[in-house]
Amino acid sequence: MITVLGGGITGLSTAWFLAQQLPSAVSIKLVEGSSRLGGWMRTDKRQAGGKEFIVERGPRTLRTGASREACAVLELAEDLGLQSQIITAPKLSAAARNR
C-alpha cells in the first residue's frame, strides 16, 4: 500500500499519477486532515443583485516549462481532457510578473 498525505492539488495529482503508473493490485490511500479535498481550491456559490454566481478559488497559476513538474501538470490536464481550457500568459506579462 502507498499512502499519499494531503488532499490538495499536489496530493491529488500524486495519487492520480501513481494510479496510472502502478499495477491495479497496488493500493493507494489518500489521507486528508480536513473535511474536504482540494486544499486551497474550492468553488463558492454566491448571490449579488438577485443573481447567483460561482467564484473559483485556489492557486492563481500553474507554472509550465521544461521541468519534470511542469510536464506532469500538462500531462494531467491532457489526461483529464482539459487542454482546451488552458490559458497561457507570456513570461513578461503583468500576470506572470505578479505571481
N, C-alpha and C. Protein backbone atom coordinates (compact mmCIF):
# COMPACT_ATOMS: atom_id res chain seq x y z
N MET A 1 0.84 -1.18 0.00
CA MET A 1 0.00 0.00 0.00
C MET A 1 0.88 1.24 0.00
N ILE A 2 0.45 2.23 -0.75
CA ILE A 2 1.12 3.54 -0.78
C ILE A 2 0.15 4.55 -0.17
N THR A 3 0.66 5.37 0.75
CA THR A 3 -0.16 6.40 1.37
C THR A 3 0.31 7.76 0.90
N VAL A 4 -0.62 8.57 0.41
CA VAL A 4 -0.35 9.94 -0.01
C VAL A 4 -0.94 10.85 1.05
N LEU A 5 -0.10 11.72 1.61
CA LEU A 5 -0.55 12.64 2.66
C LEU A 5 -0.96 13.97 2.05
N GLY A 6 -2.19 14.36 2.27
CA GLY A 6 -2.69 15.66 1.81
C GLY A 6 -3.53 15.54 0.56
N GLY A 7 -4.73 16.10 0.62
CA GLY A 7 -5.66 16.04 -0.49
C GLY A 7 -5.76 17.34 -1.26
N GLY A 8 -4.68 18.14 -1.25
CA GLY A 8 -4.64 19.34 -2.08
C GLY A 8 -4.26 18.96 -3.50
N ILE A 9 -3.96 19.94 -4.33
CA ILE A 9 -3.64 19.66 -5.73
C ILE A 9 -2.43 18.75 -5.87
N THR A 10 -1.44 18.89 -5.00
CA THR A 10 -0.25 18.04 -5.09
C THR A 10 -0.58 16.60 -4.71
N GLY A 11 -1.29 16.40 -3.62
CA GLY A 11 -1.66 15.05 -3.20
C GLY A 11 -2.58 14.37 -4.19
N LEU A 12 -3.57 15.10 -4.69
CA LEU A 12 -4.50 14.53 -5.66
C LEU A 12 -3.77 14.17 -6.96
N SER A 13 -2.86 15.04 -7.41
CA SER A 13 -2.10 14.76 -8.63
C SER A 13 -1.19 13.56 -8.43
N THR A 14 -0.56 13.49 -7.27
CA THR A 14 0.33 12.36 -6.98
C THR A 14 -0.44 11.05 -6.99
N ALA A 15 -1.58 11.02 -6.31
CA ALA A 15 -2.39 9.81 -6.28
C ALA A 15 -2.84 9.42 -7.69
N TRP A 16 -3.22 10.41 -8.49
CA TRP A 16 -3.65 10.15 -9.87
C TRP A 16 -2.53 9.49 -10.67
N PHE A 17 -1.33 10.09 -10.63
CA PHE A 17 -0.22 9.55 -11.41
C PHE A 17 0.21 8.18 -10.92
N LEU A 18 0.21 7.97 -9.62
CA LEU A 18 0.53 6.64 -9.10
C LEU A 18 -0.48 5.60 -9.61
N ALA A 19 -1.74 5.96 -9.59
CA ALA A 19 -2.78 5.05 -10.07
C ALA A 19 -2.61 4.73 -11.55
N GLN A 20 -2.11 5.69 -12.33
CA GLN A 20 -1.89 5.46 -13.76
C GLN A 20 -0.66 4.60 -14.02
N GLN A 21 0.35 4.71 -13.15
CA GLN A 21 1.64 4.06 -13.41
C GLN A 21 1.78 2.69 -12.77
N LEU A 22 1.10 2.45 -11.65
CA LEU A 22 1.29 1.22 -10.90
C LEU A 22 0.24 0.17 -11.25
N PRO A 23 0.56 -1.10 -11.02
CA PRO A 23 -0.44 -2.14 -11.27
C PRO A 23 -1.66 -1.94 -10.38
N SER A 24 -2.81 -2.38 -10.84
CA SER A 24 -4.05 -2.18 -10.08
C SER A 24 -4.04 -2.92 -8.75
N ALA A 25 -3.14 -3.88 -8.59
CA ALA A 25 -3.03 -4.61 -7.32
C ALA A 25 -2.44 -3.75 -6.20
N VAL A 26 -1.78 -2.65 -6.57
CA VAL A 26 -1.20 -1.75 -5.57
C VAL A 26 -2.29 -0.82 -5.05
N SER A 27 -2.48 -0.81 -3.75
CA SER A 27 -3.49 0.03 -3.12
C SER A 27 -2.90 1.41 -2.83
N ILE A 28 -3.65 2.45 -3.16
CA ILE A 28 -3.22 3.83 -2.90
C ILE A 28 -4.23 4.45 -1.95
N LYS A 29 -3.74 4.94 -0.83
CA LYS A 29 -4.60 5.57 0.19
C LYS A 29 -4.27 7.05 0.25
N LEU A 30 -5.28 7.90 0.15
CA LEU A 30 -5.11 9.34 0.25
C LEU A 30 -5.61 9.79 1.62
N VAL A 31 -4.77 10.46 2.39
CA VAL A 31 -5.14 10.90 3.74
C VAL A 31 -5.20 12.42 3.74
N GLU A 32 -6.36 12.97 4.14
CA GLU A 32 -6.55 14.42 4.22
C GLU A 32 -7.02 14.77 5.62
N GLY A 33 -6.41 15.78 6.21
CA GLY A 33 -6.72 16.16 7.59
C GLY A 33 -8.00 16.98 7.74
N SER A 34 -8.47 17.61 6.67
CA SER A 34 -9.67 18.42 6.79
C SER A 34 -10.88 17.63 6.31
N SER A 35 -12.04 18.26 6.32
CA SER A 35 -13.28 17.58 5.96
C SER A 35 -13.53 17.55 4.45
N ARG A 36 -12.63 18.13 3.65
CA ARG A 36 -12.84 18.16 2.21
C ARG A 36 -11.51 18.06 1.47
N LEU A 37 -11.58 17.60 0.24
CA LEU A 37 -10.41 17.54 -0.62
C LEU A 37 -10.26 18.85 -1.39
N GLY A 38 -9.10 19.09 -1.93
CA GLY A 38 -8.88 20.24 -2.79
C GLY A 38 -7.91 21.26 -2.26
N GLY A 39 -7.59 21.20 -0.97
CA GLY A 39 -6.64 22.18 -0.42
C GLY A 39 -7.16 23.59 -0.60
N TRP A 40 -6.36 24.44 -1.23
CA TRP A 40 -6.73 25.84 -1.45
C TRP A 40 -7.81 25.99 -2.51
N MET A 41 -8.02 24.96 -3.33
CA MET A 41 -9.01 25.05 -4.39
C MET A 41 -10.41 24.82 -3.83
N ARG A 42 -11.34 25.66 -4.25
CA ARG A 42 -12.73 25.46 -3.85
C ARG A 42 -13.63 26.30 -4.76
N THR A 43 -14.87 25.87 -4.84
CA THR A 43 -15.88 26.59 -5.60
C THR A 43 -16.92 27.10 -4.62
N ASP A 44 -17.16 28.40 -4.63
CA ASP A 44 -18.17 29.00 -3.76
C ASP A 44 -19.31 29.54 -4.62
N LYS A 45 -20.54 29.29 -4.19
CA LYS A 45 -21.70 29.88 -4.85
C LYS A 45 -22.11 31.10 -4.03
N ARG A 46 -22.30 32.21 -4.72
CA ARG A 46 -22.67 33.47 -4.05
C ARG A 46 -23.84 34.11 -4.78
N GLN A 47 -24.44 35.08 -4.10
CA GLN A 47 -25.52 35.84 -4.71
C GLN A 47 -25.24 37.33 -4.55
N ALA A 48 -25.59 38.06 -5.59
CA ALA A 48 -25.48 39.52 -5.56
C ALA A 48 -26.46 40.08 -6.58
N GLY A 49 -27.18 41.09 -6.20
CA GLY A 49 -28.14 41.71 -7.10
C GLY A 49 -29.21 40.75 -7.59
N GLY A 50 -29.55 39.78 -6.75
CA GLY A 50 -30.57 38.81 -7.11
C GLY A 50 -30.11 37.72 -8.06
N LYS A 51 -28.80 37.67 -8.36
CA LYS A 51 -28.28 36.66 -9.26
C LYS A 51 -27.26 35.79 -8.53
N GLU A 52 -27.28 34.51 -8.86
CA GLU A 52 -26.32 33.59 -8.28
C GLU A 52 -25.13 33.45 -9.22
N PHE A 53 -23.93 33.40 -8.66
CA PHE A 53 -22.74 33.21 -9.48
C PHE A 53 -21.75 32.33 -8.73
N ILE A 54 -20.76 31.85 -9.45
CA ILE A 54 -19.76 30.93 -8.90
C ILE A 54 -18.43 31.65 -8.82
N VAL A 55 -17.73 31.47 -7.70
CA VAL A 55 -16.38 32.01 -7.52
C VAL A 55 -15.44 30.83 -7.35
N GLU A 56 -14.46 30.74 -8.21
CA GLU A 56 -13.45 29.69 -8.11
C GLU A 56 -12.25 30.26 -7.35
N ARG A 57 -11.82 29.52 -6.32
CA ARG A 57 -10.67 29.97 -5.54
C ARG A 57 -9.59 28.88 -5.58
N GLY A 58 -8.37 29.30 -5.44
CA GLY A 58 -7.29 28.34 -5.42
C GLY A 58 -6.02 28.95 -5.95
N PRO A 59 -5.09 28.10 -6.37
CA PRO A 59 -3.84 28.64 -6.90
C PRO A 59 -4.12 29.49 -8.12
N ARG A 60 -3.45 30.63 -8.20
CA ARG A 60 -3.72 31.53 -9.32
C ARG A 60 -3.11 31.01 -10.61
N THR A 61 -1.99 30.31 -10.50
CA THR A 61 -1.32 29.86 -11.71
C THR A 61 -0.68 28.50 -11.49
N LEU A 62 -0.42 27.84 -12.57
CA LEU A 62 0.41 26.64 -12.59
C LEU A 62 1.54 26.94 -13.55
N ARG A 63 2.75 26.79 -13.09
CA ARG A 63 3.89 27.10 -13.95
C ARG A 63 4.15 25.95 -14.91
N THR A 64 4.42 26.33 -16.14
CA THR A 64 4.76 25.34 -17.15
C THR A 64 6.18 25.62 -17.63
N GLY A 65 6.67 24.78 -18.47
CA GLY A 65 8.02 24.92 -18.99
C GLY A 65 8.58 23.54 -19.25
N ALA A 66 9.88 23.39 -19.11
CA ALA A 66 10.54 22.13 -19.44
C ALA A 66 10.80 21.25 -18.22
N SER A 67 10.44 21.71 -17.04
CA SER A 67 10.73 20.92 -15.84
C SER A 67 9.86 19.66 -15.79
N ARG A 68 10.29 18.69 -15.02
CA ARG A 68 9.53 17.44 -14.84
C ARG A 68 8.15 17.73 -14.27
N GLU A 69 8.10 18.66 -13.30
CA GLU A 69 6.84 19.00 -12.66
C GLU A 69 5.88 19.66 -13.64
N ALA A 70 6.40 20.58 -14.45
CA ALA A 70 5.56 21.27 -15.44
C ALA A 70 5.00 20.28 -16.46
N CYS A 71 5.83 19.34 -16.89
CA CYS A 71 5.36 18.33 -17.85
C CYS A 71 4.27 17.47 -17.22
N ALA A 72 4.41 17.16 -15.93
CA ALA A 72 3.38 16.36 -15.24
C ALA A 72 2.06 17.11 -15.17
N VAL A 73 2.11 18.43 -14.93
CA VAL A 73 0.88 19.23 -14.88
C VAL A 73 0.19 19.22 -16.24
N LEU A 74 0.96 19.41 -17.30
CA LEU A 74 0.37 19.41 -18.65
C LEU A 74 -0.15 18.03 -19.03
N GLU A 75 0.54 16.97 -18.61
CA GLU A 75 0.07 15.62 -18.89
C GLU A 75 -1.25 15.34 -18.15
N LEU A 76 -1.34 15.80 -16.91
CA LEU A 76 -2.57 15.63 -16.15
C LEU A 76 -3.74 16.35 -16.83
N ALA A 77 -3.50 17.58 -17.27
CA ALA A 77 -4.55 18.34 -17.97
C ALA A 77 -5.00 17.60 -19.23
N GLU A 78 -4.04 17.02 -19.95
CA GLU A 78 -4.38 16.26 -21.15
C GLU A 78 -5.17 15.00 -20.80
N ASP A 79 -4.73 14.26 -19.78
CA ASP A 79 -5.43 13.05 -19.36
C ASP A 79 -6.87 13.33 -18.96
N LEU A 80 -7.11 14.50 -18.39
CA LEU A 80 -8.44 14.87 -17.93
C LEU A 80 -9.25 15.59 -19.01
N GLY A 81 -8.65 15.76 -20.19
CA GLY A 81 -9.35 16.42 -21.30
C GLY A 81 -9.52 17.91 -21.10
N LEU A 82 -8.58 18.54 -20.38
CA LEU A 82 -8.70 19.96 -20.07
C LEU A 82 -7.78 20.86 -20.90
N GLN A 83 -7.03 20.29 -21.84
CA GLN A 83 -6.05 21.10 -22.56
C GLN A 83 -6.66 22.28 -23.30
N SER A 84 -7.91 22.17 -23.75
CA SER A 84 -8.53 23.29 -24.46
C SER A 84 -8.91 24.43 -23.52
N GLN A 85 -8.87 24.19 -22.20
CA GLN A 85 -9.23 25.22 -21.23
C GLN A 85 -8.02 25.92 -20.62
N ILE A 86 -6.83 25.54 -21.05
CA ILE A 86 -5.61 26.16 -20.52
C ILE A 86 -5.44 27.54 -21.15
N ILE A 87 -5.22 28.53 -20.30
CA ILE A 87 -4.96 29.89 -20.74
C ILE A 87 -3.52 30.22 -20.36
N THR A 88 -2.73 30.62 -21.33
CA THR A 88 -1.32 30.91 -21.05
C THR A 88 -1.09 32.41 -20.98
N ALA A 89 -0.04 32.78 -20.26
CA ALA A 89 0.37 34.18 -20.16
C ALA A 89 1.85 34.25 -20.50
N PRO A 90 2.25 35.18 -21.37
CA PRO A 90 3.67 35.33 -21.68
C PRO A 90 4.46 35.65 -20.41
N LYS A 91 5.73 35.22 -20.37
CA LYS A 91 6.55 35.42 -19.17
C LYS A 91 6.69 36.89 -18.78
N LEU A 92 6.60 37.79 -19.73
CA LEU A 92 6.77 39.21 -19.43
C LEU A 92 5.44 39.94 -19.15
N SER A 93 4.34 39.21 -19.16
CA SER A 93 3.05 39.85 -18.91
C SER A 93 2.92 40.25 -17.44
N ALA A 94 2.00 41.17 -17.16
CA ALA A 94 1.77 41.60 -15.78
C ALA A 94 1.34 40.42 -14.91
N ALA A 95 0.53 39.51 -15.46
CA ALA A 95 0.09 38.35 -14.69
C ALA A 95 1.27 37.47 -14.29
N ALA A 96 2.20 37.27 -15.20
CA ALA A 96 3.36 36.41 -14.91
C ALA A 96 4.31 37.09 -13.93
N ARG A 97 4.44 38.40 -14.01
CA ARG A 97 5.35 39.11 -13.09
C ARG A 97 4.77 39.22 -11.69
N ASN A 98 3.45 39.14 -11.56
CA ASN A 98 2.78 39.32 -10.27
C ASN A 98 2.32 37.98 -9.70
N ARG A 99 3.23 37.03 -9.59
CA ARG A 99 2.86 35.69 -9.07
C ARG A 99 2.89 35.71 -7.59
